[in-house]
Amino acid sequence: MKKFRKPKIKWNEILILVIFIAVVSFTAINIKNLLKREEIKNITEAITTGSSNTAQSGGIFASLYSKEDTELKVTGNAIAVLDIPSRGIRGQIATGTDDETLKNYIGWFESTAEPGQVGNFCVAAHNNIYTELFANLHNVQIGDRVRIVTTKNEYIYRVTSKETVEPDRTDVLDGSTKREITMITCTAAATKRVVVKGELVSEKTLE
């Protein structure tokens, strides 16, 4: 009688299959997050004339580098919109910095100043997970223009400093006698924090 042989496990094929599944899953998650990020950007843009409504001009990256005068609107539970056109950064700002809030929003530290007020208006967002709203914060340069649009006012800040700090540097949230903004995100390896600060240079009331 012919002896039955147990089939050999082809570990190399299993490894290739596991890698393939991992790559497909990672790609799907990133595409989902990118689409969500683009959706947030598009609903933030007020429906105006064709040239300023980049959602109508086509392409998944159409609104990443918008015009500086694009009309913006606060939606949902947000308190304001943050926009840095030169770096393709835009997102709704919501109260709180818990994980659920940061999935879709830029989070505002409630204990800090409100937009446009005297003091330190502090916000934070993710750079490499969920909607990655601060993915380009590390590319911001001194002098860049930061727009904060609320339901009633528009505030323009100019970036004055950028540094990488240890996670325990909570002094970056300290108050100020000036009207400042502080934007925070993790470094690529999530071991440190990128901190960008700016000072208010102009404001106007929206009609």
N, C-alpha and C. Protein backbone atom coordinates (compact mmCIF):
# COMPACT_ATOMS: atom_id res chain seq x y z
N MET A 1 0.84 -1.19 0.00
CA MET A 1 0.00 0.00 0.00
C MET A 1 0.89 1.25 0.00
N LYS A 2 0.50 2.21 -0.82
CA LYS A 2 1.30 3.43 -0.95
C LYS A 2 1.18 4.26 0.31
N LYS A 3 2.31 4.68 0.83
CA LYS A 3 2.35 5.47 2.06
C LYS A 3 1.90 6.90 1.80
N PHE A 4 0.98 7.36 2.66
CA PHE A 4 0.48 8.73 2.50
C PHE A 4 1.51 9.73 3.01
N ARG A 5 1.76 10.73 2.20
CA ARG A 5 2.72 11.78 2.57
C ARG A 5 1.98 13.08 2.89
N LYS A 6 2.29 13.59 4.03
CA LYS A 6 1.70 14.87 4.43
C LYS A 6 2.25 15.98 3.55
N PRO A 7 1.36 16.76 2.93
CA PRO A 7 1.85 17.82 2.03
C PRO A 7 2.71 18.84 2.77
N LYS A 8 3.74 19.31 2.10
CA LYS A 8 4.63 20.30 2.69
C LYS A 8 3.99 21.68 2.69
N ILE A 9 4.18 22.35 3.79
CA ILE A 9 3.66 23.72 3.88
C ILE A 9 4.60 24.66 3.13
N LYS A 10 4.07 25.37 2.20
CA LYS A 10 4.88 26.31 1.42
C LYS A 10 4.87 27.67 2.12
N TRP A 11 5.82 27.80 3.04
CA TRP A 11 5.86 29.00 3.86
C TRP A 11 6.10 30.27 3.05
N ASN A 12 6.85 30.13 1.98
CA ASN A 12 7.12 31.32 1.16
C ASN A 12 5.85 31.85 0.51
N GLU A 13 4.97 30.93 0.09
CA GLU A 13 3.71 31.35 -0.52
C GLU A 13 2.78 31.98 0.52
N ILE A 14 2.77 31.40 1.73
CA ILE A 14 1.95 31.94 2.81
C ILE A 14 2.43 33.35 3.18
N LEU A 15 3.76 33.52 3.23
CA LEU A 15 4.33 34.82 3.57
C LEU A 15 3.95 35.86 2.53
N ILE A 16 4.03 35.47 1.26
CA ILE A 16 3.66 36.39 0.17
C ILE A 16 2.18 36.79 0.29
N LEU A 17 1.33 35.80 0.62
CA LEU A 17 -0.10 36.08 0.76
C LEU A 17 -0.38 37.03 1.92
N VAL A 18 0.30 36.80 3.04
CA VAL A 18 0.13 37.67 4.20
C VAL A 18 0.57 39.10 3.88
N ILE A 19 1.71 39.23 3.21
CA ILE A 19 2.20 40.56 2.83
C ILE A 19 1.22 41.25 1.89
N PHE A 20 0.69 40.49 0.93
CA PHE A 20 -0.27 41.04 -0.03
C PHE A 20 -1.52 41.56 0.69
N ILE A 21 -2.06 40.76 1.62
CA ILE A 21 -3.25 41.18 2.37
C ILE A 21 -2.97 42.43 3.19
N ALA A 22 -1.77 42.47 3.82
CA ALA A 22 -1.40 43.63 4.64
C ALA A 22 -1.31 44.90 3.79
N VAL A 23 -0.68 44.77 2.61
CA VAL A 23 -0.53 45.93 1.72
C VAL A 23 -1.88 46.43 1.23
N VAL A 24 -2.76 45.50 0.84
CA VAL A 24 -4.10 45.87 0.36
C VAL A 24 -4.88 46.57 1.47
N SER A 25 -4.82 46.02 2.69
CA SER A 25 -5.54 46.61 3.82
C SER A 25 -5.01 48.00 4.14
N PHE A 26 -3.68 48.15 4.15
CA PHE A 26 -3.06 49.45 4.44
C PHE A 26 -3.45 50.47 3.39
N THR A 27 -3.45 50.06 2.13
CA THR A 27 -3.81 50.97 1.03
C THR A 27 -5.27 51.39 1.15
N ALA A 28 -6.14 50.42 1.46
CA ALA A 28 -7.57 50.73 1.58
C ALA A 28 -7.83 51.73 2.70
N ILE A 29 -7.16 51.54 3.83
CA ILE A 29 -7.32 52.45 4.97
C ILE A 29 -6.86 53.85 4.61
N ASN A 30 -5.71 53.95 3.91
CA ASN A 30 -5.18 55.26 3.54
C ASN A 30 -6.06 55.96 2.53
N ILE A 31 -6.61 55.20 1.57
CA ILE A 31 -7.52 55.79 0.59
C ILE A 31 -8.77 56.31 1.29
N LYS A 32 -9.29 55.53 2.25
CA LYS A 32 -10.47 55.94 3.00
C LYS A 32 -10.20 57.23 3.75
N ASN A 33 -9.05 57.30 4.41
CA ASN A 33 -8.71 58.51 5.18
C ASN A 33 -8.50 59.71 4.27
N LEU A 34 -7.88 59.48 3.10
CA LEU A 34 -7.66 60.57 2.16
C LEU A 34 -8.97 61.11 1.63
N LEU A 35 -9.90 60.20 1.33
CA LEU A 35 -11.22 60.62 0.85
C LEU A 35 -11.97 61.40 1.92
N LYS A 36 -11.84 60.96 3.19
CA LYS A 36 -12.48 61.66 4.28
C LYS A 36 -11.87 63.05 4.44
N ARG A 37 -10.56 63.14 4.32
CA ARG A 37 -9.87 64.42 4.43
C ARG A 37 -10.33 65.36 3.33
N GLU A 38 -10.46 64.83 2.11
CA GLU A 38 -10.91 65.65 0.99
C GLU A 38 -12.35 66.08 1.16
N GLU A 39 -13.17 65.18 1.72
CA GLU A 39 -14.57 65.52 1.97
C GLU A 39 -14.67 66.68 2.95
N ILE A 40 -13.87 66.62 4.01
CA ILE A 40 -13.87 67.70 5.00
C ILE A 40 -13.45 69.01 4.36
N LYS A 41 -12.43 68.98 3.51
CA LYS A 41 -11.96 70.19 2.84
C LYS A 41 -13.05 70.76 1.94
N ASN A 42 -13.72 69.87 1.19
CA ASN A 42 -14.70 70.35 0.23
C ASN A 42 -15.93 70.94 0.89
N ILE A 43 -16.44 70.32 1.96
CA ILE A 43 -17.63 70.87 2.60
C ILE A 43 -17.30 72.14 3.36
N THR A 44 -16.02 72.37 3.63
CA THR A 44 -15.59 73.60 4.30
C THR A 44 -15.63 74.78 3.36
N GLU A 45 -15.45 74.54 2.06
CA GLU A 45 -15.46 75.62 1.08
C GLU A 45 -16.88 76.04 0.79
N ALA A 46 -17.18 77.30 1.00
CA ALA A 46 -18.50 77.81 0.70
C ALA A 46 -18.74 77.73 -0.79
N ILE A 47 -19.97 77.47 -1.18
CA ILE A 47 -20.31 77.40 -2.60
C ILE A 47 -20.39 78.82 -3.14
N THR A 48 -19.35 79.21 -3.84
CA THR A 48 -19.30 80.55 -4.42
C THR A 48 -19.21 80.40 -5.93
N THR A 49 -18.50 81.29 -6.60
CA THR A 49 -18.35 81.19 -8.04
C THR A 49 -17.39 80.06 -8.38
N GLY A 50 -17.40 79.63 -9.62
CA GLY A 50 -16.63 78.47 -10.03
C GLY A 50 -15.16 78.49 -9.70
N SER A 51 -14.48 79.64 -9.84
CA SER A 51 -13.04 79.68 -9.65
C SER A 51 -12.62 79.42 -8.23
N SER A 52 -13.41 79.83 -7.25
CA SER A 52 -13.02 79.66 -5.87
C SER A 52 -13.55 78.37 -5.26
N ASN A 53 -14.48 77.71 -5.94
CA ASN A 53 -15.00 76.46 -5.42
C ASN A 53 -14.23 75.31 -6.02
N THR A 54 -13.12 74.92 -5.40
CA THR A 54 -12.26 73.90 -5.97
C THR A 54 -12.90 72.54 -5.95
N ALA A 55 -13.95 72.35 -5.18
CA ALA A 55 -14.63 71.06 -5.18
C ALA A 55 -15.23 70.79 -6.55
N GLN A 56 -15.58 71.86 -7.30
CA GLN A 56 -16.17 71.69 -8.62
C GLN A 56 -15.12 71.57 -9.71
N SER A 57 -13.88 71.92 -9.41
CA SER A 57 -12.87 71.96 -10.47
C SER A 57 -12.18 70.63 -10.69
N GLY A 58 -12.56 69.60 -9.90
CA GLY A 58 -12.12 68.24 -10.20
C GLY A 58 -10.84 67.83 -9.54
N GLY A 59 -10.69 66.51 -9.35
CA GLY A 59 -9.46 65.96 -8.82
C GLY A 59 -9.46 65.83 -7.31
N ILE A 60 -8.96 64.69 -6.82
CA ILE A 60 -8.99 64.42 -5.39
C ILE A 60 -8.11 65.39 -4.62
N PHE A 61 -7.09 65.95 -5.26
CA PHE A 61 -6.20 66.88 -4.59
C PHE A 61 -6.54 68.33 -4.93
N ALA A 62 -7.70 68.56 -5.54
CA ALA A 62 -8.02 69.89 -6.07
C ALA A 62 -7.97 70.98 -5.02
N SER A 63 -8.43 70.70 -3.79
CA SER A 63 -8.51 71.77 -2.80
C SER A 63 -7.33 71.80 -1.85
N LEU A 64 -6.32 70.96 -2.07
CA LEU A 64 -5.20 70.91 -1.14
C LEU A 64 -4.40 72.21 -1.13
N TYR A 65 -4.30 72.86 -2.27
CA TYR A 65 -3.58 74.13 -2.34
C TYR A 65 -4.52 75.18 -2.90
N SER A 66 -5.35 75.71 -2.02
CA SER A 66 -6.41 76.62 -2.44
C SER A 66 -5.92 78.05 -2.48
N LYS A 67 -6.75 78.89 -3.08
CA LYS A 67 -6.44 80.31 -3.11
C LYS A 67 -6.62 80.90 -1.72
N GLU A 68 -5.86 81.95 -1.44
CA GLU A 68 -5.91 82.54 -0.10
C GLU A 68 -7.23 83.23 0.18
N ASP A 69 -8.00 83.57 -0.87
CA ASP A 69 -9.26 84.27 -0.64
C ASP A 69 -10.46 83.34 -0.77
N THR A 70 -10.24 82.02 -0.79
CA THR A 70 -11.35 81.09 -0.87
C THR A 70 -12.29 81.31 0.31
N GLU A 71 -13.58 81.41 0.03
CA GLU A 71 -14.54 81.61 1.10
C GLU A 71 -14.72 80.30 1.87
N LEU A 72 -14.63 80.37 3.17
CA LEU A 72 -14.73 79.18 4.01
C LEU A 72 -15.94 79.28 4.93
N LYS A 73 -16.45 78.12 5.35
CA LYS A 73 -17.59 78.12 6.25
C LYS A 73 -17.41 77.09 7.35
N VAL A 74 -17.92 77.42 8.52
CA VAL A 74 -17.89 76.52 9.67
C VAL A 74 -19.07 75.56 9.54
N THR A 75 -18.82 74.27 9.71
CA THR A 75 -19.89 73.29 9.56
C THR A 75 -20.00 72.40 10.80
N GLY A 76 -21.16 71.78 10.95
CA GLY A 76 -21.37 70.82 12.03
C GLY A 76 -21.15 71.41 13.40
N ASN A 77 -20.41 70.66 14.23
CA ASN A 77 -20.14 71.09 15.61
C ASN A 77 -18.88 71.93 15.74
N ALA A 78 -18.29 72.31 14.64
CA ALA A 78 -17.03 73.04 14.67
C ALA A 78 -17.24 74.47 15.19
N ILE A 79 -16.15 75.05 15.70
CA ILE A 79 -16.19 76.44 16.18
C ILE A 79 -15.51 77.39 15.20
N ALA A 80 -14.69 76.81 14.29
CA ALA A 80 -13.93 77.64 13.35
C ALA A 80 -13.31 76.75 12.27
N VAL A 81 -12.73 77.40 11.27
CA VAL A 81 -11.97 76.70 10.23
C VAL A 81 -10.55 77.23 10.26
N LEU A 82 -9.57 76.35 10.18
CA LEU A 82 -8.17 76.74 10.07
C LEU A 82 -7.72 76.47 8.64
N ASP A 83 -7.03 77.44 8.05
CA ASP A 83 -6.61 77.31 6.65
C ASP A 83 -5.22 77.89 6.47
N ILE A 84 -4.29 77.08 5.97
CA ILE A 84 -2.95 77.56 5.58
C ILE A 84 -2.80 77.21 4.11
N PRO A 85 -3.26 78.07 3.21
CA PRO A 85 -3.31 77.75 1.78
C PRO A 85 -1.97 77.36 1.19
N SER A 86 -0.89 78.00 1.62
CA SER A 86 0.43 77.74 1.02
C SER A 86 0.95 76.34 1.31
N ARG A 87 0.39 75.67 2.32
CA ARG A 87 0.86 74.33 2.70
C ARG A 87 -0.22 73.27 2.57
N GLY A 88 -1.37 73.64 2.00
CA GLY A 88 -2.43 72.66 1.80
C GLY A 88 -3.03 72.15 3.08
N ILE A 89 -3.10 72.99 4.09
CA ILE A 89 -3.65 72.59 5.38
C ILE A 89 -5.00 73.27 5.57
N ARG A 90 -6.02 72.47 5.81
CA ARG A 90 -7.33 73.03 6.08
C ARG A 90 -8.15 72.03 6.88
N GLY A 91 -8.87 72.54 7.86
CA GLY A 91 -9.73 71.64 8.63
C GLY A 91 -10.65 72.40 9.56
N GLN A 92 -11.73 71.76 9.92
CA GLN A 92 -12.65 72.31 10.90
C GLN A 92 -12.05 72.15 12.30
N ILE A 93 -12.22 73.17 13.12
CA ILE A 93 -11.74 73.13 14.50
C ILE A 93 -12.92 72.84 15.42
N ALA A 94 -12.77 71.81 16.25
CA ALA A 94 -13.81 71.46 17.22
C ALA A 94 -13.25 71.51 18.63
N THR A 95 -14.11 71.64 19.60
CA THR A 95 -13.69 71.72 21.00
C THR A 95 -13.22 70.36 21.50
N GLY A 96 -12.04 70.33 22.12
CA GLY A 96 -11.51 69.11 22.70
C GLY A 96 -10.37 68.51 21.91
N THR A 97 -9.55 67.73 22.59
CA THR A 97 -8.41 67.07 21.92
C THR A 97 -8.42 65.57 22.21
N ASP A 98 -9.57 65.02 22.53
CA ASP A 98 -9.69 63.58 22.73
C ASP A 98 -9.60 62.86 21.39
N ASP A 99 -9.38 61.55 21.44
CA ASP A 99 -9.15 60.78 20.22
C ASP A 99 -10.33 60.84 19.26
N GLU A 100 -11.55 60.81 19.80
CA GLU A 100 -12.73 60.82 18.94
C GLU A 100 -12.82 62.14 18.17
N THR A 101 -12.51 63.24 18.83
CA THR A 101 -12.55 64.55 18.16
C THR A 101 -11.48 64.64 17.08
N LEU A 102 -10.28 64.16 17.40
CA LEU A 102 -9.16 64.28 16.47
C LEU A 102 -9.25 63.33 15.27
N LYS A 103 -10.24 62.45 15.26
CA LYS A 103 -10.41 61.59 14.08
C LYS A 103 -10.79 62.41 12.86
N ASN A 104 -11.58 63.45 13.07
CA ASN A 104 -12.08 64.24 11.94
C ASN A 104 -11.85 65.74 12.04
N TYR A 105 -11.34 66.17 13.19
CA TYR A 105 -11.21 67.62 13.41
C TYR A 105 -9.82 68.00 13.88
N ILE A 106 -9.56 69.30 13.81
CA ILE A 106 -8.46 69.90 14.55
C ILE A 106 -9.03 70.22 15.92
N GLY A 107 -8.35 69.79 16.97
CA GLY A 107 -8.90 69.97 18.31
C GLY A 107 -8.41 71.23 19.00
N TRP A 108 -9.32 71.91 19.65
CA TRP A 108 -8.98 73.13 20.39
C TRP A 108 -8.86 72.80 21.87
N PHE A 109 -7.74 73.22 22.49
CA PHE A 109 -7.55 73.07 23.92
C PHE A 109 -8.44 74.10 24.63
N GLU A 110 -9.49 73.62 25.30
CA GLU A 110 -10.48 74.52 25.89
C GLU A 110 -9.91 75.48 26.92
N SER A 111 -8.83 75.08 27.57
CA SER A 111 -8.26 75.93 28.62
C SER A 111 -7.46 77.10 28.05
N THR A 112 -7.32 77.16 26.73
CA THR A 112 -6.55 78.23 26.11
C THR A 112 -7.48 79.29 25.51
N ALA A 113 -6.89 80.34 24.97
CA ALA A 113 -7.68 81.46 24.43
C ALA A 113 -8.54 81.01 23.24
N GLU A 114 -9.59 81.77 23.00
CA GLU A 114 -10.44 81.54 21.83
C GLU A 114 -9.83 82.26 20.63
N PRO A 115 -10.28 81.92 19.41
CA PRO A 115 -9.73 82.58 18.22
C PRO A 115 -9.80 84.10 18.31
N GLY A 116 -8.68 84.76 18.02
CA GLY A 116 -8.63 86.20 17.99
C GLY A 116 -8.47 86.89 19.33
N GLN A 117 -8.65 86.14 20.42
CA GLN A 117 -8.54 86.75 21.74
C GLN A 117 -7.08 86.99 22.14
N VAL A 118 -6.91 87.89 23.12
CA VAL A 118 -5.60 88.04 23.74
C VAL A 118 -5.30 86.74 24.48
N GLY A 119 -4.12 86.20 24.26
CA GLY A 119 -3.76 84.93 24.86
C GLY A 119 -3.23 83.97 23.82
N ASN A 120 -3.16 82.70 24.18
CA ASN A 120 -2.58 81.67 23.32
C ASN A 120 -3.67 80.70 22.87
N PHE A 121 -4.11 80.84 21.63
CA PHE A 121 -5.13 79.98 21.03
C PHE A 121 -4.43 78.71 20.53
N CYS A 122 -4.68 77.57 21.22
CA CYS A 122 -3.91 76.35 20.95
C CYS A 122 -4.76 75.25 20.32
N VAL A 123 -4.24 74.66 19.26
CA VAL A 123 -4.95 73.57 18.58
C VAL A 123 -3.98 72.44 18.26
N ALA A 124 -4.53 71.25 18.02
CA ALA A 124 -3.71 70.09 17.68
C ALA A 124 -4.46 69.19 16.72
N ALA A 125 -3.71 68.43 15.92
CA ALA A 125 -4.33 67.48 14.99
C ALA A 125 -3.32 66.39 14.64
N HIS A 126 -3.84 65.30 14.09
CA HIS A 126 -2.97 64.20 13.67
C HIS A 126 -2.24 64.53 12.38
N ASN A 127 -1.10 63.86 12.18
CA ASN A 127 -0.36 64.07 10.93
C ASN A 127 -0.19 62.79 10.12
N ASN A 128 -0.49 61.63 10.70
CA ASN A 128 -0.27 60.39 9.94
C ASN A 128 -1.32 59.32 10.18
N ILE A 129 -2.40 59.65 10.87
CA ILE A 129 -3.52 58.73 10.99
C ILE A 129 -4.82 59.50 10.82
N TYR A 130 -5.90 58.75 10.60
CA TYR A 130 -7.22 59.32 10.36
C TYR A 130 -7.14 60.30 9.19
N THR A 131 -7.64 61.51 9.35
CA THR A 131 -7.67 62.44 8.22
C THR A 131 -6.38 63.23 8.02
N GLU A 132 -5.39 63.05 8.89
CA GLU A 132 -4.06 63.64 8.70
C GLU A 132 -4.11 65.14 8.42
N LEU A 133 -4.95 65.86 9.15
CA LEU A 133 -5.14 67.28 8.86
C LEU A 133 -3.87 68.11 9.01
N PHE A 134 -2.95 67.68 9.88
CA PHE A 134 -1.70 68.41 10.05
C PHE A 134 -0.52 67.66 9.43
N ALA A 135 -0.78 66.90 8.37
CA ALA A 135 0.29 66.14 7.71
C ALA A 135 1.40 67.04 7.20
N ASN A 136 1.06 68.27 6.83
CA ASN A 136 2.06 69.19 6.28
C ASN A 136 2.50 70.27 7.26
N LEU A 137 2.14 70.13 8.52
CA LEU A 137 2.51 71.19 9.47
C LEU A 137 4.02 71.36 9.57
N HIS A 138 4.76 70.27 9.42
CA HIS A 138 6.23 70.36 9.51
C HIS A 138 6.82 71.16 8.37
N ASN A 139 6.03 71.37 7.29
CA ASN A 139 6.51 72.14 6.13
C ASN A 139 6.22 73.63 6.25
N VAL A 140 5.45 74.02 7.25
CA VAL A 140 5.13 75.44 7.43
C VAL A 140 6.40 76.23 7.71
N GLN A 141 6.48 77.42 7.14
CA GLN A 141 7.67 78.27 7.28
C GLN A 141 7.33 79.59 7.96
N ILE A 142 8.34 80.21 8.54
CA ILE A 142 8.17 81.52 9.16
C ILE A 142 7.59 82.49 8.12
N GLY A 143 6.56 83.21 8.51
CA GLY A 143 5.93 84.17 7.59
C GLY A 143 4.69 83.64 6.91
N ASP A 144 4.46 82.32 6.96
CA ASP A 144 3.26 81.77 6.33
C ASP A 144 2.00 82.35 6.97
N ARG A 145 0.97 82.45 6.17
CA ARG A 145 -0.32 83.05 6.58
C ARG A 145 -1.25 81.95 7.08
N VAL A 146 -1.83 82.17 8.26
CA VAL A 146 -2.78 81.22 8.84
C VAL A 146 -4.13 81.92 8.99
N ARG A 147 -5.15 81.41 8.34
CA ARG A 147 -6.50 81.98 8.45
C ARG A 147 -7.32 81.19 9.45
N ILE A 148 -7.98 81.89 10.33
CA ILE A 148 -8.96 81.28 11.22
C ILE A 148 -10.30 81.96 10.95
N VAL A 149 -11.26 81.19 10.49
CA VAL A 149 -12.57 81.73 10.15
C VAL A 149 -13.60 81.16 11.11
N THR A 150 -14.30 82.05 11.81
CA THR A 150 -15.41 81.64 12.68
C THR A 150 -16.71 82.00 11.97
N THR A 151 -17.83 81.85 12.65
CA THR A 151 -19.10 82.20 12.02
C THR A 151 -19.27 83.71 11.87
N LYS A 152 -18.48 84.48 12.63
CA LYS A 152 -18.63 85.93 12.61
C LYS A 152 -17.39 86.69 12.16
N ASN A 153 -16.22 86.11 12.33
CA ASN A 153 -14.98 86.86 12.08
C ASN A 153 -13.94 86.02 11.34
N GLU A 154 -13.00 86.74 10.74
CA GLU A 154 -11.84 86.11 10.13
C GLU A 154 -10.59 86.71 10.77
N TYR A 155 -9.68 85.86 11.22
CA TYR A 155 -8.43 86.29 11.84
C TYR A 155 -7.26 85.78 11.01
N ILE A 156 -6.29 86.66 10.79
CA ILE A 156 -5.10 86.28 10.05
C ILE A 156 -3.89 86.33 10.99
N TYR A 157 -3.22 85.20 11.10
CA TYR A 157 -1.99 85.10 11.88
C TYR A 157 -0.82 84.91 10.93
N ARG A 158 0.36 85.34 11.36
CA ARG A 158 1.60 85.07 10.63
C ARG A 158 2.49 84.18 11.49
N VAL A 159 3.02 83.14 10.88
CA VAL A 159 3.87 82.20 11.62
C VAL A 159 5.16 82.91 12.05
N THR A 160 5.48 82.78 13.33
CA THR A 160 6.66 83.44 13.89
C THR A 160 7.74 82.46 14.35
N SER A 161 7.36 81.20 14.59
CA SER A 161 8.35 80.22 15.04
C SER A 161 7.89 78.80 14.77
N LYS A 162 8.85 77.91 14.68
CA LYS A 162 8.58 76.48 14.51
C LYS A 162 9.68 75.71 15.20
N GLU A 163 9.31 74.74 16.02
CA GLU A 163 10.32 73.93 16.71
C GLU A 163 9.80 72.52 16.97
N THR A 164 10.73 71.61 17.20
CA THR A 164 10.40 70.25 17.58
C THR A 164 10.75 70.07 19.04
N VAL A 165 9.78 69.62 19.83
CA VAL A 165 9.97 69.56 21.27
C VAL A 165 9.64 68.16 21.79
N GLU A 166 10.01 67.92 23.04
CA GLU A 166 9.67 66.67 23.71
C GLU A 166 8.17 66.66 24.05
N PRO A 167 7.56 65.48 24.13
CA PRO A 167 6.11 65.41 24.41
C PRO A 167 5.68 66.04 25.73
N ASP A 168 6.60 66.15 26.68
CA ASP A 168 6.23 66.70 27.99
C ASP A 168 6.38 68.23 28.06
N ARG A 169 6.66 68.88 26.92
CA ARG A 169 6.79 70.34 26.92
C ARG A 169 5.41 71.01 26.90
N THR A 170 4.75 71.01 28.04
CA THR A 170 3.42 71.61 28.12
C THR A 170 3.46 73.13 28.18
N ASP A 171 4.65 73.69 28.34
CA ASP A 171 4.75 75.15 28.41
C ASP A 171 4.35 75.82 27.09
N VAL A 172 4.33 75.05 26.00
CA VAL A 172 3.92 75.64 24.71
C VAL A 172 2.46 76.04 24.74
N LEU A 173 1.71 75.55 25.75
CA LEU A 173 0.29 75.90 25.89
C LEU A 173 0.07 77.07 26.83
N ASP A 174 1.15 77.60 27.39
CA ASP A 174 1.03 78.70 28.35
C ASP A 174 0.36 79.92 27.72
N GLY A 175 -0.26 80.72 28.57
CA GLY A 175 -0.92 81.93 28.11
C GLY A 175 0.05 82.97 27.59
N SER A 176 -0.49 84.04 27.02
CA SER A 176 0.34 85.09 26.44
C SER A 176 -0.37 86.43 26.58
N THR A 177 0.41 87.50 26.60
CA THR A 177 -0.17 88.84 26.62
C THR A 177 -0.44 89.33 25.19
N LYS A 178 0.01 88.54 24.20
CA LYS A 178 -0.25 88.85 22.80
C LYS A 178 -1.43 88.02 22.31
N ARG A 179 -1.82 88.21 21.06
CA ARG A 179 -2.86 87.37 20.47
C ARG A 179 -2.14 86.36 19.56
N GLU A 180 -1.98 85.17 20.08
CA GLU A 180 -1.15 84.15 19.42
C GLU A 180 -1.96 82.91 19.05
N ILE A 181 -1.38 82.12 18.17
CA ILE A 181 -1.90 80.80 17.85
C ILE A 181 -0.76 79.80 18.00
N THR A 182 -1.07 78.61 18.52
CA THR A 182 -0.11 77.52 18.61
C THR A 182 -0.72 76.29 17.98
N MET A 183 -0.02 75.70 17.02
CA MET A 183 -0.49 74.50 16.33
C MET A 183 0.48 73.36 16.62
N ILE A 184 -0.07 72.21 17.01
CA ILE A 184 0.76 71.10 17.48
C ILE A 184 0.39 69.81 16.76
N THR A 185 1.40 69.02 16.42
CA THR A 185 1.20 67.67 15.90
C THR A 185 2.41 66.82 16.25
N CYS A 186 2.32 65.53 16.01
CA CYS A 186 3.45 64.63 16.28
C CYS A 186 4.45 64.66 15.12
N THR A 187 5.67 64.27 15.40
CA THR A 187 6.64 64.04 14.33
C THR A 187 6.25 62.74 13.62
N ALA A 188 6.92 62.43 12.52
CA ALA A 188 6.59 61.23 11.74
C ALA A 188 6.67 59.96 12.59
N ALA A 189 7.66 59.90 13.47
CA ALA A 189 7.84 58.72 14.32
C ALA A 189 7.02 58.79 15.61
N ALA A 190 6.32 59.89 15.80
CA ALA A 190 5.47 60.11 16.97
C ALA A 190 6.24 60.13 18.28
N THR A 191 7.52 60.43 18.22
CA THR A 191 8.34 60.47 19.43
C THR A 191 8.46 61.89 20.00
N LYS A 192 8.23 62.89 19.15
CA LYS A 192 8.31 64.28 19.59
C LYS A 192 7.14 65.06 19.01
N ARG A 193 7.10 66.35 19.26
CA ARG A 193 6.01 67.19 18.81
C ARG A 193 6.53 68.33 17.95
N VAL A 194 5.82 68.63 16.88
CA VAL A 194 6.09 69.81 16.05
C VAL A 194 5.18 70.93 16.56
N VAL A 195 5.78 72.05 16.92
CA VAL A 195 5.02 73.17 17.47
C VAL A 195 5.24 74.40 16.59
N VAL A 196 4.16 74.92 16.03
CA VAL A 196 4.22 76.11 15.17
C VAL A 196 3.42 77.22 15.83
N LYS A 197 4.05 78.39 15.97
CA LYS A 197 3.38 79.52 16.61
C LYS A 197 3.26 80.69 15.64
N GLY A 198 2.22 81.50 15.86
CA GLY A 198 2.03 82.68 15.05
C GLY A 198 1.38 83.80 15.85
N GLU A 199 1.41 85.01 15.30
CA GLU A 199 0.80 86.18 15.95
C GLU A 199 -0.23 86.81 15.05
N LEU A 200 -1.30 87.31 15.65
CA LEU A 200 -2.38 87.93 14.89
C LEU A 200 -1.89 89.21 14.21
N VAL A 201 -2.20 89.36 12.92
CA VAL A 201 -1.79 90.55 12.19
C VAL A 201 -2.99 91.34 11.64
N SER A 202 -4.15 90.67 11.52
CA SER A 202 -5.33 91.38 11.05
C SER A 202 -6.59 90.60 11.39
N GLU A 203 -7.70 91.31 11.38
CA GLU A 203 -9.00 90.67 11.61
C GLU A 203 -10.08 91.47 10.92
N LYS A 204 -11.19 90.79 10.63
CA LYS A 204 -12.32 91.50 10.05
C LYS A 204 -13.60 90.78 10.41
N THR A 205 -14.68 91.54 10.42
CA THR A 205 -16.00 90.98 10.69
C THR A 205 -16.61 90.51 9.38
N LEU A 206 -17.17 89.31 9.38
CA LEU A 206 -17.78 88.76 8.18
C LEU A 206 -19.22 89.23 8.08
N GLU A 207 -19.62 89.52 6.89
CA GLU A 207 -20.99 90.00 6.68
C GLU A 207 -21.99 88.86 6.71
